N, C-alpha and C. Protein backbone atom coordinates (compact mmCIF):
# COMPACT_ATOMS: atom_id res chain seq x y z
N MET A 1 -121.79 88.46 177.03
CA MET A 1 -122.82 89.45 176.63
C MET A 1 -122.66 90.74 177.43
N ILE A 2 -122.34 90.60 178.71
CA ILE A 2 -122.16 91.78 179.56
C ILE A 2 -121.01 92.63 179.04
N LYS A 3 -119.93 91.95 178.62
CA LYS A 3 -118.76 92.67 178.11
C LYS A 3 -119.11 93.47 176.86
N VAL A 4 -119.88 92.86 175.98
CA VAL A 4 -120.30 93.53 174.75
C VAL A 4 -121.11 94.78 175.09
N ASN A 5 -122.03 94.65 176.04
CA ASN A 5 -122.84 95.80 176.47
C ASN A 5 -121.98 96.91 177.03
N LYS A 6 -120.96 96.53 177.82
CA LYS A 6 -120.06 97.53 178.38
C LYS A 6 -119.35 98.30 177.27
N ILE A 7 -118.89 97.57 176.27
CA ILE A 7 -118.16 98.20 175.16
C ILE A 7 -119.09 99.12 174.38
N LEU A 8 -120.31 98.67 174.13
CA LEU A 8 -121.26 99.48 173.39
C LEU A 8 -121.59 100.77 174.14
N SER A 9 -121.78 100.67 175.44
CA SER A 9 -122.09 101.87 176.22
C SER A 9 -120.88 102.80 176.28
N PHE A 10 -119.68 102.20 176.31
CA PHE A 10 -118.44 102.97 176.30
C PHE A 10 -118.33 103.77 175.00
N LEU A 11 -118.59 103.11 173.87
CA LEU A 11 -118.51 103.78 172.57
C LEU A 11 -119.58 104.86 172.44
N LEU A 12 -120.76 104.59 172.98
CA LEU A 12 -121.84 105.56 172.95
C LEU A 12 -121.45 106.82 173.73
N TYR A 13 -120.84 106.61 174.88
CA TYR A 13 -120.36 107.71 175.72
C TYR A 13 -119.34 108.56 174.97
N LYS A 14 -118.41 107.90 174.26
CA LYS A 14 -117.40 108.61 173.50
C LYS A 14 -118.04 109.41 172.36
N THR A 15 -119.04 108.83 171.72
CA THR A 15 -119.73 109.50 170.62
C THR A 15 -120.43 110.75 171.12
N GLU A 16 -121.01 110.67 172.32
CA GLU A 16 -121.67 111.84 172.91
C GLU A 16 -120.67 112.97 173.12
N ILE A 17 -119.46 112.64 173.57
CA ILE A 17 -118.42 113.65 173.76
C ILE A 17 -118.11 114.33 172.44
N ILE A 18 -117.96 113.53 171.37
CA ILE A 18 -117.66 114.11 170.05
C ILE A 18 -118.79 115.04 169.63
N SER A 19 -120.03 114.63 169.81
CA SER A 19 -121.15 115.47 169.37
C SER A 19 -121.22 116.76 170.17
N ILE A 20 -120.88 116.70 171.45
CA ILE A 20 -120.84 117.92 172.27
C ILE A 20 -119.80 118.88 171.73
N PHE A 21 -118.62 118.34 171.39
CA PHE A 21 -117.56 119.20 170.90
C PHE A 21 -117.85 119.77 169.53
N SER A 22 -118.50 118.97 168.67
CA SER A 22 -118.83 119.51 167.35
C SER A 22 -119.90 120.58 167.47
N ALA A 23 -120.80 120.45 168.45
CA ALA A 23 -121.79 121.49 168.71
C ALA A 23 -121.10 122.76 169.20
N MET A 24 -120.11 122.59 170.09
CA MET A 24 -119.34 123.73 170.58
C MET A 24 -118.63 124.44 169.43
N LYS A 25 -118.10 123.65 168.52
CA LYS A 25 -117.37 124.21 167.39
C LYS A 25 -118.31 125.07 166.54
N ARG A 26 -119.54 124.62 166.40
CA ARG A 26 -120.52 125.40 165.62
C ARG A 26 -120.87 126.70 166.34
N ILE A 27 -120.94 126.64 167.66
CA ILE A 27 -121.27 127.84 168.44
C ILE A 27 -120.14 128.86 168.35
N SER A 28 -118.91 128.43 168.62
CA SER A 28 -117.77 129.34 168.50
C SER A 28 -116.65 128.66 167.71
N PRO A 29 -116.60 128.92 166.42
CA PRO A 29 -115.64 128.20 165.58
C PRO A 29 -114.21 128.74 165.69
N SER A 30 -113.74 128.92 166.94
CA SER A 30 -112.36 129.38 167.14
C SER A 30 -111.43 128.18 167.04
N GLY A 31 -110.15 128.46 166.80
CA GLY A 31 -109.17 127.39 166.64
C GLY A 31 -109.01 126.52 167.88
N ASP A 32 -109.12 127.14 169.07
CA ASP A 32 -108.88 126.41 170.31
C ASP A 32 -109.82 125.22 170.47
N ASN A 33 -111.10 125.47 170.25
CA ASN A 33 -112.08 124.40 170.39
C ASN A 33 -111.80 123.28 169.41
N PHE A 34 -111.39 123.65 168.21
CA PHE A 34 -111.16 122.64 167.18
C PHE A 34 -109.97 121.76 167.55
N ILE A 35 -108.92 122.39 168.09
CA ILE A 35 -107.74 121.63 168.51
C ILE A 35 -108.12 120.68 169.65
N GLU A 36 -108.89 121.19 170.58
CA GLU A 36 -109.38 120.38 171.70
C GLU A 36 -110.19 119.19 171.17
N PHE A 37 -111.03 119.46 170.20
CA PHE A 37 -111.88 118.44 169.57
C PHE A 37 -111.01 117.36 168.94
N LEU A 38 -109.96 117.76 168.23
CA LEU A 38 -109.07 116.79 167.58
C LEU A 38 -108.35 115.94 168.63
N ASN A 39 -107.91 116.58 169.72
CA ASN A 39 -107.24 115.84 170.79
C ASN A 39 -108.17 114.78 171.37
N ILE A 40 -109.42 115.16 171.60
CA ILE A 40 -110.38 114.22 172.16
C ILE A 40 -110.66 113.09 171.17
N GLN A 41 -110.73 113.44 169.89
CA GLN A 41 -110.96 112.42 168.87
C GLN A 41 -109.82 111.41 168.86
N GLN A 42 -108.59 111.88 168.95
CA GLN A 42 -107.43 110.97 168.98
C GLN A 42 -107.50 110.06 170.20
N MET A 43 -107.89 110.65 171.32
CA MET A 43 -108.03 109.89 172.55
C MET A 43 -109.07 108.78 172.39
N ILE A 44 -110.17 109.11 171.74
CA ILE A 44 -111.25 108.15 171.53
C ILE A 44 -110.79 107.01 170.64
N VAL A 45 -110.06 107.35 169.58
CA VAL A 45 -109.55 106.31 168.68
C VAL A 45 -108.64 105.36 169.45
N LYS A 46 -107.76 105.93 170.29
CA LYS A 46 -106.84 105.12 171.08
C LYS A 46 -107.61 104.23 172.05
N ASP A 47 -108.59 104.81 172.75
CA ASP A 47 -109.41 104.05 173.71
C ASP A 47 -110.16 102.93 173.02
N THR A 48 -110.70 103.23 171.83
CA THR A 48 -111.48 102.24 171.10
C THR A 48 -110.59 101.08 170.68
N LYS A 49 -109.38 101.38 170.21
CA LYS A 49 -108.44 100.32 169.84
C LYS A 49 -108.11 99.45 171.05
N GLN A 50 -107.93 100.09 172.21
CA GLN A 50 -107.64 99.34 173.43
C GLN A 50 -108.82 98.43 173.80
N MET A 51 -110.04 98.96 173.64
CA MET A 51 -111.23 98.17 173.95
C MET A 51 -111.31 96.96 173.03
N ILE A 52 -111.03 97.16 171.73
CA ILE A 52 -111.10 96.06 170.76
C ILE A 52 -110.06 95.00 171.14
N ARG A 53 -108.86 95.45 171.50
CA ARG A 53 -107.80 94.52 171.91
C ARG A 53 -108.26 93.72 173.13
N TYR A 54 -108.89 94.43 174.06
CA TYR A 54 -109.38 93.80 175.29
C TYR A 54 -110.44 92.73 174.98
N VAL A 55 -111.32 93.08 174.05
CA VAL A 55 -112.39 92.14 173.67
C VAL A 55 -111.78 90.88 173.08
N ARG A 56 -110.78 91.06 172.22
CA ARG A 56 -110.13 89.89 171.59
C ARG A 56 -109.45 89.02 172.63
N LEU A 57 -108.85 89.65 173.64
CA LEU A 57 -108.19 88.89 174.69
C LEU A 57 -109.20 88.10 175.52
N VAL A 58 -110.31 88.75 175.82
CA VAL A 58 -111.31 88.14 176.71
C VAL A 58 -112.08 87.03 176.00
N SER A 59 -112.46 87.28 174.76
CA SER A 59 -113.30 86.29 174.06
C SER A 59 -112.47 85.13 173.51
């Protein structure tokens, strides 16, 4: 149960980062922010896949 909570809080944290960046994009819709946003999104997808793999190994 503790592991599940850790994963949920981890995903929540990543979602907050995405929402911050999408808010930034609305404030200044320059290309740089958008590229940064995409990089972070890719990172999140990779991290999430790693977390899922970890959960499968542990459970």
